[in-house]
PDB file of N, CA and C in Angstrom:
ATOM      1  N   MET A   1       1.393  41.746 -19.045  1.00  0.00           N
ATOM      2  CA  MET A   1       2.467  40.841 -17.648  1.00  0.00           C
ATOM      3  C   MET A   1       2.853  41.650 -17.217  1.00  0.00           C
ATOM      4  N   ASN A   2       2.638  43.309 -16.978  1.00  0.00           N
ATOM      5  CA  ASN A   2       3.092  43.879 -15.922  1.00  0.00           C
ATOM      6  C   ASN A   2       2.182  43.990 -14.837  1.00  0.00           C
ATOM      7  N   LYS A   3       1.083  43.564 -15.345  1.00  0.00           N
ATOM      8  CA  LYS A   3       0.010  43.265 -14.563  1.00  0.00           C
ATOM      9  C   LYS A   3      -0.007  42.604 -13.277  1.00  0.00           C
ATOM     10  N   ILE A   4       0.560  41.217 -13.478  1.00  0.00           N
ATOM     11  CA  ILE A   4       0.850  39.967 -12.804  1.00  0.00           C
ATOM     12  C   ILE A   4       2.072  40.763 -12.307  1.00  0.00           C
ATOM     13  N   LEU A   5       3.121  41.357 -12.883  1.00  0.00           N
ATOM     14  CA  LEU A   5       4.413  41.294 -11.817  1.00  0.00           C
ATOM     15  C   LEU A   5       4.284  42.294 -10.453  1.00  0.00           C
ATOM     16  N   VAL A   6       3.098  43.376 -11.222  1.00  0.00           N
ATOM     17  CA  VAL A   6       3.215  44.019 -10.233  1.00  0.00           C
ATOM     18  C   VAL A   6       2.049  44.296  -8.788  1.00  0.00           C
ATOM     19  N   LYS A   7       0.827  43.380  -9.256  1.00  0.00           N
ATOM     20  CA  LYS A   7       0.117  42.571  -8.000  1.00  0.00           C
ATOM     21  C   LYS A   7      -0.228  41.490  -8.289  1.00  0.00           C
ATOM     22  N   PRO A   8       0.340  40.377  -8.025  1.00  0.00           N
ATOM     23  CA  PRO A   8      -0.174  38.773  -8.175  1.00  0.00           C
ATOM     24  C   PRO A   8      -1.292  38.774  -7.377  1.00  0.00           C
ATOM     25  N   GLU A   9      -1.388  39.541  -5.956  1.00  0.00           N
ATOM     26  CA  GLU A   9      -2.087  39.219  -5.014  1.00  0.00           C
ATOM     27  C   GLU A   9      -3.603  39.707  -5.352  1.00  0.00           C
ATOM     28  N   ASP A  10      -3.849  40.285  -6.651  1.00  0.00           N
ATOM     29  CA  ASP A  10      -5.296  40.823  -7.473  1.00  0.00           C
ATOM     30  C   ASP A  10      -5.686  39.734  -8.058  1.00  0.00           C
ATOM     31  N   ASN A  11      -4.728  38.725  -8.643  1.00  0.00           N
ATOM     32  CA  ASN A  11      -5.294  37.917  -9.406  1.00  0.00           C
ATOM     33  C   ASN A  11      -5.623  36.704  -8.178  1.00  0.00           C
ATOM     34  N   VAL A  12      -4.541  36.215  -7.218  1.00  0.00           N
ATOM     35  CA  VAL A  12      -5.708  35.115  -6.586  1.00  0.00           C
ATOM     36  C   VAL A  12      -6.884  35.779  -5.482  1.00  0.00           C
ATOM     37  N   ALA A  13      -6.451  37.110  -5.562  1.00  0.00           N
ATOM     38  CA  ALA A  13      -8.253  37.545  -5.133  1.00  0.00           C
ATOM     39  C   ALA A  13      -9.578  37.490  -6.127  1.00  0.00           C
ATOM     40  N   THR A  14      -9.111  37.141  -7.238  1.00  0.00           N
ATOM     41  CA  THR A  14     -10.038  37.446  -8.208  1.00  0.00           C
ATOM     42  C   THR A  14     -10.568  35.760  -8.504  1.00  0.00           C
ATOM     43  N   ASP A  15      -9.236  35.226  -8.328  1.00  0.00           N
ATOM     44  CA  ASP A  15      -9.670  33.241  -8.899  1.00  0.00           C
ATOM     45  C   ASP A  15     -10.655  33.073  -7.540  1.00  0.00           C
ATOM     46  N   ASN A  16     -10.150  33.293  -6.160  1.00  0.00           N
ATOM     47  CA  ASN A  16     -10.956  33.143  -5.346  1.00  0.00           C
ATOM     48  C   ASN A  16     -12.467  33.301  -5.565  1.00  0.00           C
ATOM     49  N   LYS A  17     -12.936  34.781  -5.241  1.00  0.00           N
ATOM     50  CA  LYS A  17     -13.889  35.407  -5.700  1.00  0.00           C
ATOM     51  C   LYS A  17     -14.396  34.495  -6.698  1.00  0.00           C
ATOM     52  N   ASN A  18     -13.532  34.428  -7.792  1.00  0.00           N
ATOM     53  CA  ASN A  18     -14.754  33.104  -9.281  1.00  0.00           C
ATOM     54  C   ASN A  18     -15.260  31.878  -8.598  1.00  0.00           C
ATOM     55  N   LEU A  19     -14.455  31.092  -7.901  1.00  0.00           N
ATOM     56  CA  LEU A  19     -14.096  29.987  -7.143  1.00  0.00           C
ATOM     57  C   LEU A  19     -15.508  29.894  -5.860  1.00  0.00           C
ATOM     58  N   SER A  20     -15.723  31.343  -5.448  1.00  0.00           N
ATOM     59  CA  SER A  20     -16.631  31.626  -4.584  1.00  0.00           C
ATOM     60  C   SER A  20     -17.962  31.539  -5.580  1.00  0.00           C
ATOM     61  N   ILE A  21     -18.115  32.448  -6.490  1.00  0.00           N
ATOM     62  CA  ILE A  21     -18.908  32.350  -7.023  1.00  0.00           C
ATOM     63  C   ILE A  21     -19.631  30.925  -7.524  1.00  0.00           C
ATOM     64  N   HIS A  22     -18.563  30.085  -8.157  1.00  0.00           N
ATOM     65  CA  HIS A  22     -18.730  28.737  -8.491  1.00  0.00           C
ATOM     66  C   HIS A  22     -19.714  27.985  -7.744  1.00  0.00           C
ATOM     67  N   GLN A  23     -19.136  28.120  -6.838  1.00  0.00           N
ATOM     68  CA  GLN A  23     -19.395  26.932  -5.448  1.00  0.00           C
ATOM     69  C   GLN A  23     -21.016  28.045  -5.323  1.00  0.00           C
ATOM     70  N   ASN A  24     -21.155  29.079  -5.062  1.00  0.00           N
ATOM     71  CA  ASN A  24     -22.428  29.524  -4.998  1.00  0.00           C
ATOM     72  C   ASN A  24     -23.513  29.358  -6.077  1.00  0.00           C
ATOM     73  N   ARG A  25     -23.128  28.839  -7.306  1.00  0.00           N
ATOM     74  CA  ARG A  25     -23.760  28.658  -8.579  1.00  0.00           C
ATOM     75  C   ARG A  25     -24.527  27.066  -8.179  1.00  0.00           C
ATOM     76  N   ARG A  26     -23.545  26.342  -7.728  1.00  0.00           N
ATOM     77  CA  ARG A  26     -23.268  25.271  -7.122  1.00  0.00           C
ATOM     78  C   ARG A  26     -24.590  24.718  -6.078  1.00  0.00           C
ATOM     79  N   GLU A  27     -24.169  25.455  -5.620  1.00  0.00           N
ATOM     80  CA  GLU A  27     -25.178  25.545  -4.709  1.00  0.00           C
ATOM     81  C   GLU A  27     -26.863  25.481  -4.572  1.00  0.00           C
ATOM     82  N   ASN A  28     -26.906  26.551  -4.985  1.00  0.00           N
ATOM     83  CA  ASN A  28     -28.394  27.132  -5.949  1.00  0.00           C
ATOM     84  C   ASN A  28     -28.496  25.347  -7.014  1.00  0.00           C
ATOM     85  N   LEU A  29     -27.560  25.631  -7.705  1.00  0.00           N
ATOM     86  CA  LEU A  29     -28.275  24.335  -8.664  1.00  0.00           C
ATOM     87  C   LEU A  29     -29.286  23.556  -8.401  1.00  0.00           C
ATOM     88  N   GLU A  30     -28.071  23.191  -7.005  1.00  0.00           N
ATOM     89  CA  GLU A  30     -28.849  21.354  -6.178  1.00  0.00           C
ATOM     90  C   GLU A  30     -29.749  21.739  -5.308  1.00  0.00           C
ATOM     91  N   ALA A  31     -29.836  23.367  -4.662  1.00  0.00           N
ATOM     92  CA  ALA A  31     -31.235  23.600  -3.829  1.00  0.00           C
ATOM     93  C   ALA A  31     -32.321  23.651  -5.025  1.00  0.00           C
ATOM     94  N   LEU A  32     -32.302  24.185  -6.211  1.00  0.00           N
ATOM     95  CA  LEU A  32     -33.756  24.268  -7.319  1.00  0.00           C
ATOM     96  C   LEU A  32     -33.835  22.819  -7.586  1.00  0.00           C
ATOM     97  N   VAL A  33     -32.612  21.526  -7.887  1.00  0.00           N
ATOM     98  CA  VAL A  33     -33.317  20.380  -8.523  1.00  0.00           C
ATOM     99  C   VAL A  33     -34.004  19.615  -6.611  1.00  0.00           C
ATOM    100  N   PHE A  34     -33.652  19.920  -5.500  1.00  0.00           N
ATOM    101  CA  PHE A  34     -34.369  19.606  -4.815  1.00  0.00           C
ATOM    102  C   PHE A  34     -35.506  20.302  -4.739  1.00  0.00           C
ATOM    103  N   GLU A  35     -35.922  21.260  -4.808  1.00  0.00           N
ATOM    104  CA  GLU A  35     -37.147  21.492  -5.140  1.00  0.00           C
ATOM    105  C   GLU A  35     -38.060  21.664  -5.983  1.00  0.00           C
ATOM    106  N   LYS A  36     -37.515  20.960  -6.904  1.00  0.00           N
ATOM    107  CA  LYS A  36     -38.102  20.146  -8.097  1.00  0.00           C
ATOM    108  C   LYS A  36     -38.510  19.230  -7.709  1.00  0.00           C
ATOM    109  N   LEU A  37     -37.796  18.179  -6.759  1.00  0.00           N
ATOM    110  CA  LEU A  37     -37.949  16.910  -6.340  1.00  0.00           C
ATOM    111  C   LEU A  37     -39.540  16.925  -5.671  1.00  0.00           C
ATOM    112  N   HIS A  38     -39.147  18.126  -4.685  1.00  0.00           N
ATOM    113  CA  HIS A  38     -40.307  17.917  -4.029  1.00  0.00           C
ATOM    114  C   HIS A  38     -41.486  18.863  -4.165  1.00  0.00           C
ATOM    115  N   SER A  39     -41.556  19.189  -5.814  1.00  0.00           N
ATOM    116  CA  SER A  39     -42.553  19.598  -5.926  1.00  0.00           C
ATOM    117  C   SER A  39     -43.809  18.647  -7.111  1.00  0.00           C
ATOM    118  N   ASP A  40     -43.279  17.276  -6.604  1.00  0.00           N
ATOM    119  CA  ASP A  40     -43.640  16.207  -7.374  1.00  0.00           C
ATOM    120  C   ASP A  40     -43.692  16.397  -8.605  1.00  0.00           C
ATOM    121  N   GLU A  41     -42.337  17.056  -9.504  1.00  0.00           N
ATOM    122  CA  GLU A  41     -42.358  16.331 -10.936  1.00  0.00           C
ATOM    123  C   GLU A  41     -41.938  15.572 -10.917  1.00  0.00           C
ATOM    124  N   ASP A  42     -41.251  14.899 -12.397  1.00  0.00           N
ATOM    125  CA  ASP A  42     -40.621  13.572 -12.752  1.00  0.00           C
ATOM    126  C   ASP A  42     -39.026  13.898 -11.992  1.00  0.00           C
ATOM    127  N   PRO A  43     -38.731  13.013 -11.189  1.00  0.00           N
ATOM    128  CA  PRO A  43     -37.096  12.908 -10.525  1.00  0.00           C
ATOM    129  C   PRO A  43     -36.774  12.368 -11.544  1.00  0.00           C
ATOM    130  N   THR A  44     -36.515  12.259 -12.644  1.00  0.00           N
ATOM    131  CA  THR A  44     -35.719  11.585 -13.356  1.00  0.00           C
ATOM    132  C   THR A  44     -34.361  12.651 -14.194  1.00  0.00           C
ATOM    133  N   GLN A  45     -34.887  13.683 -14.380  1.00  0.00           N
ATOM    134  CA  GLN A  45     -33.922  14.806 -14.951  1.00  0.00           C
ATOM    135  C   GLN A  45     -33.086  15.400 -13.780  1.00  0.00           C
ATOM    136  N   ALA A  46     -33.520  15.831 -12.363  1.00  0.00           N
ATOM    137  CA  ALA A  46     -32.894  15.865 -11.254  1.00  0.00           C
ATOM    138  C   ALA A  46     -31.982  14.930 -10.642  1.00  0.00           C
ATOM    139  N   ILE A  47     -32.228  13.533 -10.886  1.00  0.00           N
ATOM    140  CA  ILE A  47     -31.113  12.419 -10.831  1.00  0.00           C
ATOM    141  C   ILE A  47     -30.189  12.567 -11.301  1.00  0.00           C
ATOM    142  N   ALA A  48     -30.578  12.693 -12.601  1.00  0.00           N
ATOM    143  CA  ALA A  48     -29.446  12.657 -13.578  1.00  0.00           C
ATOM    144  C   ALA A  48     -28.248  13.995 -13.450  1.00  0.00           C
ATOM    145  N   PHE A  49     -29.261  14.831 -13.358  1.00  0.00           N
ATOM    146  CA  PHE A  49     -28.265  15.973 -13.150  1.00  0.00           C
ATOM    147  C   PHE A  49     -27.296  15.993 -11.363  1.00  0.00           C
ATOM    148  N   LEU A  50     -28.225  15.519 -10.634  1.00  0.00           N
ATOM    149  CA  LEU A  50     -27.066  14.962  -9.296  1.00  0.00           C
ATOM    150  C   LEU A  50     -26.108  13.929  -9.408  1.00  0.00           C
ATOM    151  N   THR A  51     -26.448  13.059 -10.095  1.00  0.00           N
ATOM    152  CA  THR A  51     -25.391  12.223 -10.932  1.00  0.00           C
ATOM    153  C   THR A  51     -24.248  12.652 -11.529  1.00  0.00           C
ATOM    154  N   TYR A  52     -24.996  13.144 -12.513  1.00  0.00           N
ATOM    155  CA  TYR A  52     -23.766  13.854 -13.461  1.00  0.00           C
ATOM    156  C   TYR A  52     -22.471  15.175 -12.335  1.00  0.00           C
ATOM    157  N   LEU A  53     -23.352  16.087 -11.557  1.00  0.00           N
ATOM    158  CA  LEU A  53     -22.617  16.362 -10.280  1.00  0.00           C
ATOM    159  C   LEU A  53     -21.581  15.334  -9.832  1.00  0.00           C
ATOM    160  N   LYS A  54     -22.233  14.705  -8.757  1.00  0.00           N
ATOM    161  CA  LYS A  54     -21.469  13.941  -8.404  1.00  0.00           C
ATOM    162  C   LYS A  54     -19.932  12.696  -9.324  1.00  0.00           C
ATOM    163  N   ASN A  55     -20.310  12.848 -10.325  1.00  0.00           N
ATOM    164  CA  ASN A  55     -19.468  12.117 -11.257  1.00  0.00           C
ATOM    165  C   ASN A  55     -18.199  13.146 -11.697  1.00  0.00           C
ATOM    166  N   ALA A  56     -18.807  14.474 -11.697  1.00  0.00           N
ATOM    167  CA  ALA A  56     -17.788  15.597 -12.277  1.00  0.00           C
ATOM    168  C   ALA A  56     -16.530  15.706 -11.315  1.00  0.00           C
ATOM    169  N   ASP A  57     -17.492  15.831  -9.899  1.00  0.00           N
ATOM    170  CA  ASP A  57     -16.542  15.687  -8.298  1.00  0.00           C
ATOM    171  C   ASP A  57     -15.658  14.541  -8.494  1.00  0.00           C
ATOM    172  N   LEU A  58     -16.064  13.651  -8.420  1.00  0.00           N
ATOM    173  CA  LEU A  58     -14.938  11.946  -8.709  1.00  0.00           C
ATOM    174  C   LEU A  58     -14.474  12.089  -9.758  1.00  0.00           C
ATOM    175  N   GLU A  59     -14.425  12.802 -11.280  1.00  0.00           N
ATOM    176  CA  GLU A  59     -13.509  12.752 -12.221  1.00  0.00           C
ATOM    177  C   GLU A  59     -12.261  13.771 -11.885  1.00  0.00           C
ATOM    178  N   LYS A  60     -13.027  15.113 -11.225  1.00  0.00           N
ATOM    179  CA  LYS A  60     -11.963  15.696 -11.147  1.00  0.00           C
ATOM    180  C   LYS A  60     -10.828  15.475 -10.109  1.00  0.00           C
ATOM    181  N   GLU A  61     -11.289  14.738  -8.641  1.00  0.00           N
ATOM    182  CA  GLU A  61     -10.425  14.301  -7.814  1.00  0.00           C
ATOM    183  C   GLU A  61      -9.745  13.187  -8.191  1.00  0.00           C
ATOM    184  N   GLN A  62     -10.283  12.130  -9.567  1.00  0.00           N
ATOM    185  CA  GLN A  62      -9.281  10.866 -10.372  1.00  0.00           C
ATOM    186  C   GLN A  62      -8.280  11.902 -11.069  1.00  0.00           C
ATOM    187  N   ARG A  63      -8.628  12.737 -11.503  1.00  0.00           N
ATOM    188  CA  ARG A  63      -7.356  13.694 -12.176  1.00  0.00           C
ATOM    189  C   ARG A  63      -6.159  14.050 -12.105  1.00  0.00           C
ATOM    190  N   ARG A  64      -6.802  14.756 -10.492  1.00  0.00           N
ATOM    191  CA  ARG A  64      -5.826  15.569  -9.961  1.00  0.00           C
ATOM    192  C   ARG A  64      -5.487  14.369  -9.047  1.00  0.00           C
ATOM    193  N   ARG A  65      -5.406  12.978  -8.607  1.00  0.00           N
ATOM    194  CA  ARG A  65      -4.081  11.980  -8.183  1.00  0.00           C
ATOM    195  C   ARG A  65      -3.468  11.236  -8.949  1.00  0.00           C
ATOM    196  N   LEU A  66      -3.871  11.375 -10.521  1.00  0.00           N
ATOM    197  CA  LEU A  66      -3.291  10.685 -11.385  1.00  0.00           C
ATOM    198  C   LEU A  66      -2.233  12.172 -11.618  1.00  0.00           C
ATOM    199  N   GLN A  67      -2.435  13.396 -11.904  1.00  0.00           N
ATOM    200  CA  GLN A  67      -1.392  14.165 -12.341  1.00  0.00           C
ATOM    201  C   GLN A  67      -0.494  13.728 -10.821  1.00  0.00           C
ATOM    202  N   GLN A  68      -0.770  13.363  -9.916  1.00  0.00           N
ATOM    203  CA  GLN A  68       0.115  13.616  -8.696  1.00  0.00           C
ATOM    204  C   GLN A  68       1.203  12.116  -8.784  1.00  0.00           C
ATOM    205  N   GLU A  69       0.832  11.172  -9.521  1.00  0.00           N
ATOM    206  CA  GLU A  69       1.100   9.896  -9.428  1.00  0.00           C
ATOM    207  C   GLU A  69       2.388  10.087 -10.321  1.00  0.00           C
ATOM    208  N   VAL A  70       2.328  10.499 -11.244  1.00  0.00           N
ATOM    209  CA  VAL A  70       2.419  10.776 -13.157  1.00  0.00           C
ATOM    210  C   VAL A  70       3.688  11.757 -12.427  1.00  0.00           C
ATOM    211  N   GLN A  71       3.627  13.196 -11.182  1.00  0.00           N
ATOM    212  CA  GLN A  71       4.428  13.485 -11.176  1.00  0.00           C
ATOM    213  C   GLN A  71       5.422  12.875 -10.349  1.00  0.00           C
ATOM    214  N   GLU A  72       5.300  12.179  -9.116  1.00  0.00           N
ATOM    215  CA  GLU A  72       5.745  11.377  -8.585  1.00  0.00           C
ATOM    216  C   GLU A  72       6.605  10.477  -9.225  1.00  0.00           C
ATOM    217  N   LYS A  73       6.241   9.753 -10.516  1.00  0.00           N
ATOM    218  CA  LYS A  73       6.622   9.165 -11.341  1.00  0.00           C
ATOM    219  C   LYS A  73       8.393   9.517 -11.647  1.00  0.00           C
ATOM    220  N   SER A  74       7.654  10.721 -12.556  1.00  0.00           N
ATOM    221  CA  SER A  74       8.667  11.118 -13.173  1.00  0.00           C
ATOM    222  C   SER A  74       9.850  11.897 -12.050  1.00  0.00           C
ATOM    223  N   ALA A  75       9.627  12.223 -10.966  1.00  0.00           N
ATOM    224  CA  ALA A  75      10.657  12.847 -10.075  1.00  0.00           C
ATOM    225  C   ALA A  75      10.756  11.557  -9.872  1.00  0.00           C
ATOM    226  N   PHE A  76      10.972  10.224  -9.455  1.00  0.00           N
ATOM    227  CA  PHE A  76      11.626   8.799  -9.372  1.00  0.00           C
ATOM    228  C   PHE A  76      12.393   8.639 -10.408  1.00  0.00           C
ATOM    229  N   ASN A  77      11.965   8.659 -11.834  1.00  0.00           N
ATOM    230  CA  ASN A  77      12.591   8.485 -12.529  1.00  0.00           C
ATOM    231  C   ASN A  77      14.060   9.153 -12.751  1.00  0.00           C
ATOM    232  N   SER A  78      13.280  10.668 -12.942  1.00  0.00           N
ATOM    233  CA  SER A  78      15.045  11.586 -12.768  1.00  0.00           C
ATOM    234  C   SER A  78      15.681  11.135 -12.069  1.00  0.00           C
ATOM    235  N   LEU A  79      15.680  11.015 -10.700  1.00  0.00           N
ATOM    236  CA  LEU A  79      16.033  10.478  -9.515  1.00  0.00           C
ATOM    237  C   LEU A  79      17.156   8.895 -10.150  1.00  0.00           C
ATOM    238  N   GLN A  80      16.522   8.451 -10.482  1.00  0.00           N
ATOM    239  CA  GLN A  80      17.189   6.930 -10.778  1.00  0.00           C
ATOM    240  C   GLN A  80      18.175   7.363 -11.592  1.00  0.00           C
ATOM    241  N   ARG A  81      17.556   7.817 -12.824  1.00  0.00           N
ATOM    242  CA  ARG A  81      18.892   8.434 -14.122  1.00  0.00           C
ATOM    243  C   ARG A  81      20.227   8.930 -13.490  1.00  0.00           C
ATOM    244  N   VAL A  82      19.390  10.130 -12.768  1.00  0.00           N
ATOM    245  CA  VAL A  82      21.091  11.197 -11.874  1.00  0.00           C
ATOM    246  C   VAL A  82      21.302   9.767 -11.309  1.00  0.00           C
ATOM    247  N   MET A  83      21.404   8.646 -10.296  1.00  0.00           N
ATOM    248  CA  MET A  83      21.958   7.851  -9.862  1.00  0.00           C
ATOM    249  C   MET A  83      22.666   6.698 -10.608  1.00  0.00           C
ATOM    250  N   ILE A  84      22.110   6.243 -11.981  1.00  0.00           N
ATOM    251  CA  ILE A  84      22.392   5.791 -12.659  1.00  0.00           C
ATOM    252  C   ILE A  84      24.103   6.323 -13.029  1.00  0.00           C
ATOM    253  N   THR A  85      23.980   7.564 -13.370  1.00  0.00           N
ATOM    254  CA  THR A  85      25.145   8.243 -14.272  1.00  0.00           C
ATOM    255  C   THR A  85      25.594   8.324 -13.548  1.00  0.00           C
ATOM    256  N   ALA A  86      25.811   8.729 -12.305  1.00  0.00           N
ATOM    257  CA  ALA A  86      26.615   9.099 -10.922  1.00  0.00           C
ATOM    258  C   ALA A  86      27.344   7.511 -10.866  1.00  0.00           C
ATOM    259  N   PHE A  87      26.664   6.592 -11.081  1.00  0.00           N
ATOM    260  CA  PHE A  87      27.437   5.239 -10.825  1.00  0.00           C
ATOM    261  C   PHE A  87      28.217   4.844 -12.164  1.00  0.00           C
ATOM    262  N   ALA A  88      28.068   5.256 -12.994  1.00  0.00           N
ATOM    263  CA  ALA A  88      28.808   4.985 -14.217  1.00  0.00           C
ATOM    264  C   ALA A  88      29.890   5.947 -14.203  1.00  0.00           C
ATOM    265  N   ILE A  89      29.912   7.369 -13.601  1.00  0.00           N
ATOM    266  CA  ILE A  89      30.813   7.906 -13.832  1.00  0.00           C
ATOM    267  C   ILE A  89      31.729   7.655 -12.763  1.00  0.00           C
ATOM    268  N   LEU A  90      31.511   6.911 -11.951  1.00  0.00           N
ATOM    269  CA  LEU A  90      32.253   7.122 -11.070  1.00  0.00           C
ATOM    270  C   LEU A  90      33.012   5.396 -11.240  1.00  0.00           C
ATOM    271  N   GLY A  91      32.449   4.418 -11.778  1.00  0.00           N
ATOM    272  CA  GLY A  91      33.039   3.581 -12.252  1.00  0.00           C
ATOM    273  C   GLY A  91      33.782   3.404 -13.345  1.00  0.00           C
ATOM    274  N   MET A  92      33.684   4.621 -14.093  1.00  0.00           N
ATOM    275  CA  MET A  92      34.634   5.036 -15.498  1.00  0.00           C
ATOM    276  C   MET A  92      35.912   5.298 -15.204  1.00  0.00           C
ATOM    277  N   ILE A  93      35.646   6.398 -13.703  1.00  0.00           N
ATOM    278  CA  ILE A  93      37.142   7.389 -13.155  1.00  0.00           C
ATOM    279  C   ILE A  93      37.662   5.852 -12.385  1.00  0.00           C
ATOM    280  N   ALA A  94      37.267   4.684 -11.837  1.00  0.00           N
ATOM    281  CA  ALA A  94      38.185   3.677 -11.238  1.00  0.00           C
ATOM    282  C   ALA A  94      38.531   2.840 -11.974  1.00  0.00           C
ATOM    283  N   PHE A  95      37.985   3.101 -13.159  1.00  0.00           N
ATOM    284  CA  PHE A  95      38.341   1.545 -14.357  1.00  0.00           C
ATOM    285  C   PHE A  95      39.635   2.753 -14.942  1.00  0.00           C
ATOM    286  N   PHE A  96      39.686   4.001 -15.139  1.00  0.00           N
ATOM    287  CA  PHE A  96      40.678   4.838 -15.760  1.00  0.00           C
ATOM    288  C   PHE A  96      42.218   5.229 -14.598  1.00  0.00           C
ATOM    289  N   ASP A  97      41.414   5.074 -13.739  1.00  0.00           N
ATOM    290  CA  ASP A  97      42.506   4.764 -12.626  1.00  0.00           C
ATOM    291  C   ASP A  97      43.250   3.874 -12.610  1.00  0.00           C
ATOM    292  N   ARG A  98      42.560   2.824 -12.656  1.00  0.00           N
ATOM    293  CA  ARG A  98      43.754   1.691 -12.452  1.00  0.00           C
ATOM    294  C   ARG A  98      44.275   1.276 -13.628  1.00  0.00           C
ATOM    295  N   VAL A  99      43.295   1.395 -14.809  1.00  0.00           N
ATOM    296  CA  VAL A  99      45.016   1.837 -15.997  1.00  0.00           C
ATOM    297  C   VAL A  99      45.614   2.371 -16.436  1.00  0.00           C
ATOM    298  N   PHE A 100      45.597   3.708 -16.171  1.00  0.00           N
ATOM    299  CA  PHE A 100      46.445   4.541 -16.130  1.00  0.00           C
ATOM    300  C   PHE A 100      47.671   4.761 -15.078  1.00  0.00           C
ATOM    301  N   ASN A 101      47.394   4.125 -13.821  1.00  0.00           N
ATOM    302  CA  ASN A 101      48.203   4.092 -12.566  1.00  0.00           C
ATOM    303  C   ASN A 101      48.696   2.352 -12.433  1.00  0.00           C
ATOM    304  N   ALA A 102      48.273   1.763 -13.655  1.00  0.00           N
ATOM    305  CA  ALA A 102      49.289  -0.047 -14.058  1.00  0.00           C
ATOM    306  C   ALA A 102      50.353   0.060 -13.789  1.00  0.00           C
ATOM    307  N   HIS A 103      51.120   0.822 -13.936  1.00  0.00           N
ATOM    308  CA  HIS A 103      52.397   0.678 -14.172  1.00  0.00           C
ATOM    309  C   HIS A 103      53.418   1.379 -12.367  1.00  0.00           C
ATOM    310  N   GLU A 104      52.508   2.326 -11.717  1.00  0.00           N
ATOM    311  CA  GLU A 104      52.941   2.477 -10.432  1.00  0.00           C
ATOM    312  C   GLU A 104      52.471   1.520  -9.944  1.00  0.00           C
ATOM    313  N   LEU A 105      51.189   0.733  -9.961  1.00  0.00           N
ATOM    314  CA  LEU A 105      50.921  -0.528  -9.300  1.00  0.00           C
ATOM    315  C   LEU A 105      51.865  -1.513  -8.916  1.00  0.00           C
ATOM    316  N   SER A 106      52.670  -1.250 -10.666  1.00  0.00           N
ATOM    317  CA  SER A 106      53.635  -2.734 -10.948  1.00  0.00           C
ATOM    318  C   SER A 106      54.912  -2.741  -9.921  1.00  0.00           C
ATOM    319  N   LYS A 107      55.240  -1.578  -9.759  1.00  0.00           N
ATOM    320  CA  LYS A 107      56.132  -0.977  -9.173  1.00  0.00           C
ATOM    321  C   LYS A 107      56.579  -1.090  -7.514  1.00  0.00           C
ATOM    322  N   THR A 108      54.549  -1.189  -6.946  1.00  0.00           N
ATOM    323  CA  THR A 108      54.926  -1.375  -5.351  1.00  0.00           C
ATOM    324  C   THR A 108      54.218  -2.644  -5.139  1.00  0.00           C
ATOM    325  N   GLY A 109      54.392  -3.438  -6.498  1.00  0.00           N
ATOM    326  CA  GLY A 109      53.939  -4.858  -6.239  1.00  0.00           C
ATOM    327  C   GLY A 109      52.392  -5.416  -5.919  1.00  0.00           C
ATOM    328  N   ALA A 110      51.585  -4.045  -6.073  1.00  0.00           N
ATOM    329  CA  ALA A 110      50.122  -4.520  -6.104  1.00  0.00           C
ATOM    330  C   ALA A 110      50.256  -6.056  -7.441  1.00  0.00           C
ATOM    331  N   ILE A 111      50.925  -5.751  -8.521  1.00  0.00           N
ATOM    332  CA  ILE A 111      50.268  -6.608  -9.946  1.00  0.00           C
ATOM    333  C   ILE A 111      51.456  -7.469  -9.814  1.00  0.00           C
ATOM    334  N   PRO A 112      50.965  -8.656 -10.191  1.00  0.00           N
ATOM    335  CA  PRO A 112      52.422  -9.854 -10.229  1.00  0.00           C
ATOM    336  C   PRO A 112      52.923  -9.491 -11.886  1.00  0.00           C
ATOM    337  N   SER A 113      53.660  -9.932 -11.495  1.00  0.00           N
ATOM    338  CA  SER A 113      54.892  -9.619 -12.720  1.00  0.00           C
ATOM    339  C   SER A 113      54.362 -10.262 -14.069  1.00  0.00           C
ATOM    340  N   VAL A 114      53.504 -11.634 -13.929  1.00  0.00           N
ATOM    341  CA  VAL A 114      52.941 -12.227 -15.112  1.00  0.00           C
ATOM    342  C   VAL A 114      51.805 -10.881 -15.723  1.00  0.00           C
ATOM    343  N   VAL A 115      51.037 -10.539 -15.025  1.00  0.00           N
ATOM    344  CA  VAL A 115      49.909  -9.547 -15.693  1.00  0.00           C
ATOM    345  C   VAL A 115      50.922  -8.158 -16.716  1.00  0.00           C
ATOM    346  N   GLU A 116      52.029  -8.101 -16.294  1.00  0.00           N
ATOM    347  CA  GLU A 116      53.118  -6.784 -16.846  1.00  0.00           C
ATOM    348  C   GLU A 116      54.044  -7.567 -18.337  1.00  0.00           C
ATOM    349  N   LYS A 117      54.245  -9.037 -18.183  1.00  0.00           N
ATOM    350  CA  LYS A 117      54.647  -9.398 -19.304  1.00  0.00           C
ATOM    351  C   LYS A 117      53.728  -9.842 -20.457  1.00  0.00           C
ATOM    352  N   GLN A 118      52.794 -10.105 -20.507  1.00  0.00           N
ATOM    353  CA  GLN A 118      51.672 -10.609 -21.277  1.00  0.00           C
ATOM    354  C   GLN A 118      51.786  -9.055 -22.222  1.00  0.00           C
ATOM    355  N   PRO A 119      51.605  -9.034 -23.738  1.00  0.00           N
ATOM    356  CA  PRO A 119      51.604  -7.758 -24.751  1.00  0.00           C
ATOM    357  C   PRO A 119      50.286  -7.544 -24.754  1.00  0.00           C
TER     358      PRO A 119
END
């Protein structure tokens, strides 16, 4: 934990280095597959491998987009709940203000006397 607090840039540099190594390995694997294709070997395994790499990239992108959509929906739902709660509180304040100040309103003539005489 102290390592993270002291030098977080080291972790970022390490992550970038790992990503770079991963990209280099992937490029090397793709180059190897293409070499096998050009050496007149059976291309079915190479094609299956390239399809796997393509599908893995698509899956990552789909997962990222899905996660982004879920976060957006969550933020919208939270905002919606806050707005509904705020309007409910404002409505309650207006209602109780009207109820507790009915006597004062009747003195000024805002409420008809018929409403006041009901039990």
